[in-house]
Amino acid sequence: MNLSTLLGILGSLLVFGSVIAFSSQDLHAFLNLPGLGIVLGGTIAATLMSYPFHEVVRVFRAGAHAISDERYDVTQDVEEIVQVSRYWFSQNLRRINERLDQIRNPFLRTGIQLVIDDTPMDDVSDLLNWRMARVRAREQADAQMFRTMATYAPAFGMLGTLIGLINLLLTTENDDFTVIAVNLGIALITTFYGILLANLLFRPIAIKLERRTEERVVLMTMVLEGIMLMRKGRSPGYIRETLRSFMENHRDEIRQAPPNGEFADPDGTPTDRDT
């Protein structure tokens, strides 16, 4: 689990735990299984009605990956591209084929295979761009599904509130306060559960998936650039410096530049650059 996710979970538990502990005389009042069942069950049922079953299963796996500590080793991909470009520059196809089995990035492996198969440059670009578009579309669909669930959860929270209020009206003539308390608890707690799940689980996961997609597309674009340079016959040194410059410029564009002309190198060390 990455640091920001861990801090977010611990912070939310600390804040809500403290508020509930200091403001409530009975902590069990915030644990209502029928209310939680209405919100979770209704949200999952509506999601299954909205999307195919295999997509729902896949999106929960994607959500688990989103909160895990998934980092992309850009340096390794750059070094693999440079190493293969050395073999390509010297026309050592045997070493390239041996190296292909060691490359873990399937996108990079496909691109190199297309190059050594002497595929035309336009076809290489079209195929890899198509794969990038497929990755972006699939992962954006996963994020949209979590945003849909974030919309359903508060709605079913309100539905649980209505159910509790209707049952409460039917028991107004009953002197059994236990029955009244149960229905009142369902009426109040389901809205709480719906808002909590939507804004503390489903929507944050959707945002994390969107951010992960942006990072993956940038990495794939860098790999595509390296493959195209190798196909053009550029030298390994030229490819290395171009890819390093690509990643540095990308970081400068997505992060606000620090004051006083300081920029961050790829290793995170601030340096001064002339403008």
C-alpha atoms as a PDB file:
ATOM      1  CA  MET A   1       0.000   0.000   0.000  1.00  0.00           C
ATOM      2  CA  ASN A   2       1.444   3.374  -0.980  1.00  0.00           C
ATOM      3  CA  LEU A   3       2.108   6.060   1.608  1.00  0.00           C
ATOM      4  CA  SER A   4      -0.655   8.491   0.637  1.00  0.00           C
ATOM      5  CA  THR A   5      -3.297   5.743   0.772  1.00  0.00           C
ATOM      6  CA  LEU A   6      -2.036   4.516   4.124  1.00  0.00           C
ATOM      7  CA  LEU A   7      -2.021   8.042   5.575  1.00  0.00           C
ATOM      8  CA  GLY A   8      -5.512   8.682   4.191  1.00  0.00           C
ATOM      9  CA  ILE A   9      -6.928   5.514   5.759  1.00  0.00           C
ATOM     10  CA  LEU A  10      -5.248   6.110   9.105  1.00  0.00           C
ATOM     11  CA  GLY A  11      -6.238   9.792   9.102  1.00  0.00           C
ATOM     12  CA  SER A  12      -9.871   9.070   8.323  1.00  0.00           C
ATOM     13  CA  LEU A  13     -10.043   6.373  10.987  1.00  0.00           C
ATOM     14  CA  LEU A  14      -8.451   8.717  13.507  1.00  0.00           C
ATOM     15  CA  VAL A  15     -10.731  11.659  12.702  1.00  0.00           C
ATOM     16  CA  PHE A  16     -13.999   9.733  12.574  1.00  0.00           C
ATOM     17  CA  GLY A  17     -13.026   7.530  15.512  1.00  0.00           C
ATOM     18  CA  SER A  18     -12.224  10.564  17.640  1.00  0.00           C
ATOM     19  CA  VAL A  19     -15.399  12.427  16.665  1.00  0.00           C
ATOM     20  CA  ILE A  20     -17.612   9.419  17.334  1.00  0.00           C
ATOM     21  CA  ALA A  21     -15.835   8.544  20.585  1.00  0.00           C
ATOM     22  CA  PHE A  22     -16.151  12.066  22.027  1.00  0.00           C
ATOM     23  CA  SER A  23     -19.618  12.859  20.709  1.00  0.00           C
ATOM     24  CA  SER A  24     -21.479   9.598  21.251  1.00  0.00           C
ATOM     25  CA  GLN A  25     -22.434   7.858  24.444  1.00  0.00           C
ATOM     26  CA  ASP A  26     -22.825   4.535  22.645  1.00  0.00           C
ATOM     27  CA  LEU A  27     -20.352   3.583  19.898  1.00  0.00           C
ATOM     28  CA  HIS A  28     -22.600   0.719  18.810  1.00  0.00           C
ATOM     29  CA  ALA A  29     -25.101   3.290  17.552  1.00  0.00           C
ATOM     30  CA  PHE A  30     -22.902   3.785  14.467  1.00  0.00           C
ATOM     31  CA  LEU A  31     -22.853   0.073  13.677  1.00  0.00           C
ATOM     32  CA  ASN A  32     -26.062  -0.875  11.916  1.00  0.00           C
ATOM     33  CA  LEU A  33     -25.829  -3.984   9.773  1.00  0.00           C
ATOM     34  CA  PRO A  34     -29.276  -3.609   8.103  1.00  0.00           C
ATOM     35  CA  GLY A  35     -28.424  -0.029   7.101  1.00  0.00           C
ATOM     36  CA  LEU A  36     -24.999  -1.060   5.778  1.00  0.00           C
ATOM     37  CA  GLY A  37     -26.621  -3.932   3.896  1.00  0.00           C
ATOM     38  CA  ILE A  38     -29.066  -1.561   2.201  1.00  0.00           C
ATOM     39  CA  VAL A  39     -26.275   0.767   1.007  1.00  0.00           C
ATOM     40  CA  LEU A  40     -23.692  -1.840   0.003  1.00  0.00           C
ATOM     41  CA  GLY A  41     -26.188  -4.329  -1.363  1.00  0.00           C
ATOM     42  CA  GLY A  42     -28.071  -1.711  -3.337  1.00  0.00           C
ATOM     43  CA  THR A  43     -24.889  -0.175  -4.739  1.00  0.00           C
ATOM     44  CA  ILE A  44     -23.490  -3.524  -5.854  1.00  0.00           C
ATOM     45  CA  ALA A  45     -26.834  -4.620  -7.310  1.00  0.00           C
ATOM     46  CA  ALA A  46     -27.222  -1.382  -9.283  1.00  0.00           C
ATOM     47  CA  THR A  47     -23.617  -1.675 -10.525  1.00  0.00           C
ATOM     48  CA  LEU A  48     -24.240  -5.252 -11.698  1.00  0.00           C
ATOM     49  CA  MET A  49     -27.326  -4.065 -13.552  1.00  0.00           C
ATOM     50  CA  SER A  50     -25.343  -1.249 -15.178  1.00  0.00           C
ATOM     51  CA  TYR A  51     -22.235  -3.180 -16.275  1.00  0.00           C
ATOM     52  CA  PRO A  52     -21.398  -6.716 -17.433  1.00  0.00           C
ATOM     53  CA  PHE A  53     -20.372  -9.123 -14.690  1.00  0.00           C
ATOM     54  CA  HIS A  54     -16.798  -9.607 -15.943  1.00  0.00           C
ATOM     55  CA  GLU A  55     -16.232  -5.849 -15.946  1.00  0.00           C
ATOM     56  CA  VAL A  56     -17.464  -5.552 -12.359  1.00  0.00           C
ATOM     57  CA  VAL A  57     -15.091  -8.327 -11.254  1.00  0.00           C
ATOM     58  CA  ARG A  58     -12.214  -6.681 -13.115  1.00  0.00           C
ATOM     59  CA  VAL A  59     -12.887  -3.259 -11.641  1.00  0.00           C
ATOM     60  CA  PHE A  60     -12.690  -4.548  -8.079  1.00  0.00           C
ATOM     61  CA  ARG A  61      -9.310  -6.048  -8.896  1.00  0.00           C
ATOM     62  CA  ALA A  62      -8.264  -2.718 -10.376  1.00  0.00           C
ATOM     63  CA  GLY A  63      -9.411  -0.979  -7.204  1.00  0.00           C
ATOM     64  CA  ALA A  64      -7.244  -3.294  -5.113  1.00  0.00           C
ATOM     65  CA  HIS A  65      -4.259  -2.480  -7.332  1.00  0.00           C
ATOM     66  CA  ALA A  66      -5.004   1.230  -7.104  1.00  0.00           C
ATOM     67  CA  ILE A  67      -4.490   1.314  -3.345  1.00  0.00           C
ATOM     68  CA  SER A  68      -1.366  -0.852  -3.516  1.00  0.00           C
ATOM     69  CA  ASP A  69       2.125   0.559  -3.868  1.00  0.00           C
ATOM     70  CA  GLU A  70       2.500   0.327  -7.645  1.00  0.00           C
ATOM     71  CA  ARG A  71       5.559   2.111  -8.975  1.00  0.00           C
ATOM     72  CA  TYR A  72       6.859   2.141 -12.505  1.00  0.00           C
ATOM     73  CA  ASP A  73      10.577   1.724 -13.022  1.00  0.00           C
ATOM     74  CA  VAL A  74      11.179   4.252 -15.788  1.00  0.00           C
ATOM     75  CA  THR A  75      14.951   3.898 -15.472  1.00  0.00           C
ATOM     76  CA  GLN A  76      14.807   0.174 -16.187  1.00  0.00           C
ATOM     77  CA  ASP A  77      12.727   0.703 -19.326  1.00  0.00           C
ATOM     78  CA  VAL A  78      15.142   3.389 -20.568  1.00  0.00           C
ATOM     79  CA  GLU A  79      18.145   1.137 -19.974  1.00  0.00           C
ATOM     80  CA  GLU A  80      16.470  -1.765 -21.774  1.00  0.00           C
ATOM     81  CA  ILE A  81      15.666   0.432 -24.777  1.00  0.00           C
ATOM     82  CA  VAL A  82      19.248   1.725 -24.895  1.00  0.00           C
ATOM     83  CA  GLN A  83      20.715  -1.757 -24.541  1.00  0.00           C
ATOM     84  CA  VAL A  84      18.552  -3.199 -27.321  1.00  0.00           C
ATOM     85  CA  SER A  85      19.302  -0.170 -29.504  1.00  0.00           C
ATOM     86  CA  ARG A  86      23.011  -0.986 -29.182  1.00  0.00           C
ATOM     87  CA  TYR A  87      22.382  -4.447 -30.568  1.00  0.00           C
ATOM     88  CA  TRP A  88      20.146  -3.009 -33.279  1.00  0.00           C
ATOM     89  CA  PHE A  89      22.741  -0.395 -34.195  1.00  0.00           C
ATOM     90  CA  SER A  90      25.309  -3.172 -34.688  1.00  0.00           C
ATOM     91  CA  GLN A  91      22.720  -5.458 -36.356  1.00  0.00           C
ATOM     92  CA  ASN A  92      23.152  -8.153 -33.707  1.00  0.00           C
ATOM     93  CA  LEU A  93      19.715  -9.747 -34.005  1.00  0.00           C
ATOM     94  CA  ARG A  94      20.684 -12.832 -32.041  1.00  0.00           C
ATOM     95  CA  ARG A  95      21.417 -10.779 -28.913  1.00  0.00           C
ATOM     96  CA  ILE A  96      18.176  -8.833 -29.370  1.00  0.00           C
ATOM     97  CA  ASN A  97      16.150 -12.062 -29.443  1.00  0.00           C
ATOM     98  CA  GLU A  98      17.922 -13.233 -26.287  1.00  0.00           C
ATOM     99  CA  ARG A  99      17.209  -9.900 -24.606  1.00  0.00           C
ATOM    100  CA  LEU A 100      13.513  -9.977 -25.539  1.00  0.00           C
ATOM    101  CA  ASP A 101      12.835 -12.848 -23.152  1.00  0.00           C
ATOM    102  CA  GLN A 102      14.178 -10.764 -20.249  1.00  0.00           C
ATOM    103  CA  ILE A 103      12.033  -7.672 -20.899  1.00  0.00           C
ATOM    104  CA  ARG A 104       9.120  -7.549 -18.457  1.00  0.00           C
ATOM    105  CA  ASN A 105       7.266  -4.634 -20.060  1.00  0.00           C
ATOM    106  CA  PRO A 106       4.919  -6.235 -22.656  1.00  0.00           C
ATOM    107  CA  PHE A 107       4.397  -2.927 -24.468  1.00  0.00           C
ATOM    108  CA  LEU A 108       8.163  -2.478 -24.898  1.00  0.00           C
ATOM    109  CA  ARG A 109       8.616  -6.116 -25.893  1.00  0.00           C
ATOM    110  CA  THR A 110       5.949  -5.812 -28.590  1.00  0.00           C
ATOM    111  CA  GLY A 111       7.511  -2.647 -29.978  1.00  0.00           C
ATOM    112  CA  ILE A 112      10.979  -4.165 -30.185  1.00  0.00           C
ATOM    113  CA  GLN A 113       9.583  -7.289 -31.844  1.00  0.00           C
ATOM    114  CA  LEU A 114       7.923  -5.123 -34.489  1.00  0.00           C
ATOM    115  CA  VAL A 115      11.199  -3.296 -35.125  1.00  0.00           C
ATOM    116  CA  ILE A 116      13.318  -6.427 -35.569  1.00  0.00           C
ATOM    117  CA  ASP A 117      10.596  -7.838 -37.858  1.00  0.00           C
ATOM    118  CA  ASP A 118      11.295  -4.816 -40.086  1.00  0.00           C
ATOM    119  CA  THR A 119       7.736  -3.528 -39.738  1.00  0.00           C
ATOM    120  CA  PRO A 120       7.188  -0.178 -41.493  1.00  0.00           C
ATOM    121  CA  MET A 121       7.495   2.807 -39.173  1.00  0.00           C
ATOM    122  CA  ASP A 122       3.927   3.977 -39.708  1.00  0.00           C
ATOM    123  CA  ASP A 123       2.574   0.519 -38.873  1.00  0.00           C
ATOM    124  CA  VAL A 124       4.656   0.365 -35.682  1.00  0.00           C
ATOM    125  CA  SER A 125       3.370   3.769 -34.621  1.00  0.00           C
ATOM    126  CA  ASP A 126      -0.249   2.939 -35.450  1.00  0.00           C
ATOM    127  CA  LEU A 127      -0.231  -0.375 -33.595  1.00  0.00           C
ATOM    128  CA  LEU A 128       1.436   0.960 -30.443  1.00  0.00           C
ATOM    129  CA  ASN A 129      -0.768   4.058 -30.390  1.00  0.00           C
ATOM    130  CA  TRP A 130      -3.794   1.780 -30.710  1.00  0.00           C
ATOM    131  CA  ARG A 131      -2.610  -0.237 -27.694  1.00  0.00           C
ATOM    132  CA  MET A 132      -2.112   2.981 -25.723  1.00  0.00           C
ATOM    133  CA  ALA A 133      -5.637   4.085 -26.608  1.00  0.00           C
ATOM    134  CA  ARG A 134      -7.010   0.715 -25.479  1.00  0.00           C
ATOM    135  CA  VAL A 135      -5.210   0.957 -22.128  1.00  0.00           C
ATOM    136  CA  ARG A 136      -6.467   4.502 -21.595  1.00  0.00           C
ATOM    137  CA  ALA A 137     -10.048   3.587 -22.525  1.00  0.00           C
ATOM    138  CA  ARG A 138     -10.128   0.474 -20.333  1.00  0.00           C
ATOM    139  CA  GLU A 139      -8.700   2.152 -17.249  1.00  0.00           C
ATOM    140  CA  GLN A 140     -10.859   5.242 -17.660  1.00  0.00           C
ATOM    141  CA  ALA A 141     -13.869   2.907 -17.822  1.00  0.00           C
ATOM    142  CA  ASP A 142     -12.739   1.342 -14.524  1.00  0.00           C
ATOM    143  CA  ALA A 143     -12.489   4.763 -12.909  1.00  0.00           C
ATOM    144  CA  GLN A 144     -15.900   5.727 -14.276  1.00  0.00           C
ATOM    145  CA  MET A 145     -17.426   2.621 -12.706  1.00  0.00           C
ATOM    146  CA  PHE A 146     -16.198   3.683  -9.269  1.00  0.00           C
ATOM    147  CA  ARG A 147     -17.579   7.175  -9.890  1.00  0.00           C
ATOM    148  CA  THR A 148     -20.906   5.541 -10.752  1.00  0.00           C
ATOM    149  CA  MET A 149     -20.806   3.608  -7.474  1.00  0.00           C
ATOM    150  CA  ALA A 150     -20.062   6.892  -5.682  1.00  0.00           C
ATOM    151  CA  THR A 151     -23.304   8.201  -7.184  1.00  0.00           C
ATOM    152  CA  TYR A 152     -25.331   5.130  -6.234  1.00  0.00           C
ATOM    153  CA  ALA A 153     -24.194   4.915  -2.587  1.00  0.00           C
ATOM    154  CA  PRO A 154     -25.766   8.195  -1.314  1.00  0.00           C
ATOM    155  CA  ALA A 155     -28.936   7.422  -3.280  1.00  0.00           C
ATOM    156  CA  PHE A 156     -29.334   4.083  -1.552  1.00  0.00           C
ATOM    157  CA  GLY A 157     -28.509   5.810   1.728  1.00  0.00           C
ATOM    158  CA  MET A 158     -31.532   8.029   1.175  1.00  0.00           C
ATOM    159  CA  LEU A 159     -33.574   4.980   0.217  1.00  0.00           C
ATOM    160  CA  GLY A 160     -32.644   3.362   3.525  1.00  0.00           C
ATOM    161  CA  THR A 161     -33.667   6.531   5.294  1.00  0.00           C
ATOM    162  CA  LEU A 162     -37.078   6.415   3.627  1.00  0.00           C
ATOM    163  CA  ILE A 163     -37.495   2.753   4.544  1.00  0.00           C
ATOM    164  CA  GLY A 164     -36.658   3.510   8.153  1.00  0.00           C
ATOM    165  CA  LEU A 165     -39.047   6.465   8.300  1.00  0.00           C
ATOM    166  CA  ILE A 166     -41.895   4.482   6.745  1.00  0.00           C
ATOM    167  CA  ASN A 167     -41.409   1.681   9.264  1.00  0.00           C
ATOM    168  CA  LEU A 168     -41.162   4.285  12.012  1.00  0.00           C
ATOM    169  CA  LEU A 169     -44.538   5.758  11.056  1.00  0.00           C
ATOM    170  CA  LEU A 170     -46.083   2.300  11.177  1.00  0.00           C
ATOM    171  CA  THR A 171     -44.822   1.792  14.733  1.00  0.00           C
ATOM    172  CA  THR A 172     -45.870   5.145  16.208  1.00  0.00           C
ATOM    173  CA  GLU A 173     -48.715   3.492  18.069  1.00  0.00           C
ATOM    174  CA  ASN A 174     -46.386   0.834  19.443  1.00  0.00           C
ATOM    175  CA  ASP A 175     -45.171   1.377  22.975  1.00  0.00           C
ATOM    176  CA  ASP A 176     -42.113  -0.820  22.352  1.00  0.00           C
ATOM    177  CA  PHE A 177     -39.292   1.712  22.171  1.00  0.00           C
ATOM    178  CA  THR A 178     -36.886  -0.966  20.923  1.00  0.00           C
ATOM    179  CA  VAL A 179     -38.784  -1.306  17.639  1.00  0.00           C
ATOM    180  CA  ILE A 180     -38.917   2.473  17.248  1.00  0.00           C
ATOM    181  CA  ALA A 181     -35.167   2.783  17.949  1.00  0.00           C
ATOM    182  CA  VAL A 182     -34.290   0.131  15.361  1.00  0.00           C
ATOM    183  CA  ASN A 183     -36.240   1.870  12.596  1.00  0.00           C
ATOM    184  CA  LEU A 184     -34.954   5.290  13.599  1.00  0.00           C
ATOM    185  CA  GLY A 185     -31.406   3.959  13.550  1.00  0.00           C
ATOM    186  CA  ILE A 186     -31.841   2.610  10.031  1.00  0.00           C
ATOM    187  CA  ALA A 187     -33.369   5.910   8.911  1.00  0.00           C
ATOM    188  CA  LEU A 188     -30.426   7.955  10.161  1.00  0.00           C
ATOM    189  CA  ILE A 189     -27.430   5.694   9.675  1.00  0.00           C
ATOM    190  CA  THR A 190     -28.004   4.676   6.039  1.00  0.00           C
ATOM    191  CA  THR A 191     -27.483   8.235   4.783  1.00  0.00           C
ATOM    192  CA  PHE A 192     -24.302   8.359   6.873  1.00  0.00           C
ATOM    193  CA  TYR A 193     -23.065   5.105   5.307  1.00  0.00           C
ATOM    194  CA  GLY A 194     -23.914   6.256   1.784  1.00  0.00           C
ATOM    195  CA  ILE A 195     -22.042   9.555   2.074  1.00  0.00           C
ATOM    196  CA  LEU A 196     -19.105   7.885   3.823  1.00  0.00           C
ATOM    197  CA  LEU A 197     -18.664   5.126   1.227  1.00  0.00           C
ATOM    198  CA  ALA A 198     -19.059   7.518  -1.695  1.00  0.00           C
ATOM    199  CA  ASN A 199     -16.542  10.110  -0.519  1.00  0.00           C
ATOM    200  CA  LEU A 200     -14.099   7.986   1.454  1.00  0.00           C
ATOM    201  CA  LEU A 201     -13.928   4.865  -0.722  1.00  0.00           C
ATOM    202  CA  PHE A 202     -15.427   4.914  -4.207  1.00  0.00           C
ATOM    203  CA  ARG A 203     -14.535   8.440  -5.375  1.00  0.00           C
ATOM    204  CA  PRO A 204     -10.941   8.396  -4.016  1.00  0.00           C
ATOM    205  CA  ILE A 205     -10.313   5.057  -5.754  1.00  0.00           C
ATOM    206  CA  ALA A 206     -11.647   6.521  -9.006  1.00  0.00           C
ATOM    207  CA  ILE A 207      -9.244   9.457  -8.724  1.00  0.00           C
ATOM    208  CA  LYS A 208      -6.330   7.115  -7.993  1.00  0.00           C
ATOM    209  CA  LEU A 209      -7.173   5.037 -11.054  1.00  0.00           C
ATOM    210  CA  GLU A 210      -7.253   8.169 -13.207  1.00  0.00           C
ATOM    211  CA  ARG A 211      -3.871   9.281 -11.879  1.00  0.00           C
ATOM    212  CA  ARG A 212      -2.419   5.820 -12.466  1.00  0.00           C
ATOM    213  CA  THR A 213      -3.688   5.911 -16.053  1.00  0.00           C
ATOM    214  CA  GLU A 214      -1.950   9.244 -16.637  1.00  0.00           C
ATOM    215  CA  GLU A 215       1.335   7.828 -15.360  1.00  0.00           C
ATOM    216  CA  ARG A 216       1.023   4.675 -17.462  1.00  0.00           C
ATOM    217  CA  VAL A 217       0.241   6.648 -20.628  1.00  0.00           C
ATOM    218  CA  VAL A 218       3.259   8.897 -20.062  1.00  0.00           C
ATOM    219  CA  LEU A 219       5.493   5.854 -19.591  1.00  0.00           C
ATOM    220  CA  MET A 220       4.083   4.189 -22.711  1.00  0.00           C
ATOM    221  CA  THR A 221       4.606   7.402 -24.679  1.00  0.00           C
ATOM    222  CA  MET A 222       8.242   7.453 -23.576  1.00  0.00           C
ATOM    223  CA  VAL A 223       8.654   3.815 -24.630  1.00  0.00           C
ATOM    224  CA  LEU A 224       7.015   4.570 -27.986  1.00  0.00           C
ATOM    225  CA  GLU A 225       9.416   7.462 -28.530  1.00  0.00           C
ATOM    226  CA  GLY A 226      12.406   5.219 -27.815  1.00  0.00           C
ATOM    227  CA  ILE A 227      11.161   2.505 -30.154  1.00  0.00           C
ATOM    228  CA  MET A 228      10.582   4.994 -32.963  1.00  0.00           C
ATOM    229  CA  LEU A 229      14.082   6.432 -32.507  1.00  0.00           C
ATOM    230  CA  MET A 230      15.535   2.924 -32.638  1.00  0.00           C
ATOM    231  CA  ARG A 231      13.542   2.214 -35.800  1.00  0.00           C
ATOM    232  CA  LYS A 232      14.991   5.377 -37.340  1.00  0.00           C
ATOM    233  CA  GLY A 233      18.504   4.108 -36.585  1.00  0.00           C
ATOM    234  CA  ARG A 234      19.468   6.734 -34.008  1.00  0.00           C
ATOM    235  CA  SER A 235      22.528   6.054 -31.860  1.00  0.00           C
ATOM    236  CA  PRO A 236      22.083   4.571 -28.352  1.00  0.00           C
ATOM    237  CA  GLY A 237      23.542   7.712 -26.727  1.00  0.00           C
ATOM    238  CA  TYR A 238      21.100   9.933 -28.607  1.00  0.00           C
ATOM    239  CA  ILE A 239      18.201   7.703 -27.561  1.00  0.00           C
ATOM    240  CA  ARG A 240      19.270   7.759 -23.898  1.00  0.00           C
ATOM    241  CA  GLU A 241      19.541  11.549 -23.724  1.00  0.00           C
ATOM    242  CA  THR A 242      16.287  12.055 -25.618  1.00  0.00           C
ATOM    243  CA  LEU A 243      14.357   9.783 -23.257  1.00  0.00           C
ATOM    244  CA  ARG A 244      15.908  11.410 -20.189  1.00  0.00           C
ATOM    245  CA  SER A 245      14.976  14.834 -21.511  1.00  0.00           C
ATOM    246  CA  PHE A 246      11.469  13.571 -22.256  1.00  0.00           C
ATOM    247  CA  MET A 247      10.925  12.436 -18.667  1.00  0.00           C
ATOM    248  CA  GLU A 248      12.474  15.593 -17.132  1.00  0.00           C
ATOM    249  CA  ASN A 249      10.308  17.879 -19.255  1.00  0.00           C
ATOM    250  CA  HIS A 250       7.240  15.858 -18.366  1.00  0.00           C
ATOM    251  CA  ARG A 251       7.942  16.246 -14.652  1.00  0.00           C
ATOM    252  CA  ASP A 252       8.401  19.991 -15.101  1.00  0.00           C
ATOM    253  CA  GLU A 253       5.083  20.256 -16.896  1.00  0.00           C
ATOM    254  CA  ILE A 254       2.969  18.313 -14.396  1.00  0.00           C
ATOM    255  CA  ARG A 255       4.575  19.784 -11.285  1.00  0.00           C
ATOM    256  CA  GLN A 256       4.691  23.448 -10.394  1.00  0.00           C
ATOM    257  CA  ALA A 257       8.206  24.804 -10.629  1.00  0.00           C
ATOM    258  CA  PRO A 258       9.729  25.647  -7.218  1.00  0.00           C
ATOM    259  CA  PRO A 259      10.552  29.281  -6.469  1.00  0.00           C
ATOM    260  CA  ASN A 260      13.921  30.955  -7.157  1.00  0.00           C
ATOM    261  CA  GLY A 261      14.497  28.978 -10.327  1.00  0.00           C
ATOM    262  CA  GLU A 262      14.932  25.629  -8.586  1.00  0.00           C
ATOM    263  CA  PHE A 263      13.945  22.484 -10.386  1.00  0.00           C
ATOM    264  CA  ALA A 264      14.019  18.875  -9.321  1.00  0.00           C
ATOM    265  CA  ASP A 265      16.316  16.395 -11.053  1.00  0.00           C
ATOM    266  CA  PRO A 266      14.999  12.889 -11.713  1.00  0.00           C
ATOM    267  CA  ASP A 267      16.548  11.745  -8.426  1.00  0.00           C
ATOM    268  CA  GLY A 268      14.570  14.409  -6.566  1.00  0.00           C
ATOM    269  CA  THR A 269      17.554  16.707  -5.822  1.00  0.00           C
ATOM    270  CA  PRO A 270      16.779  20.399  -6.378  1.00  0.00           C
ATOM    271  CA  THR A 271      19.115  22.134  -8.832  1.00  0.00           C
ATOM    272  CA  ASP A 272      19.345  25.587 -10.376  1.00  0.00           C
ATOM    273  CA  ARG A 273      18.824  25.916 -14.106  1.00  0.00           C
ATOM    274  CA  ASP A 274      19.245  28.911 -16.306  1.00  0.00           C
ATOM    275  CA  THR A 275      16.066  30.063 -17.935  1.00  0.00           C
END
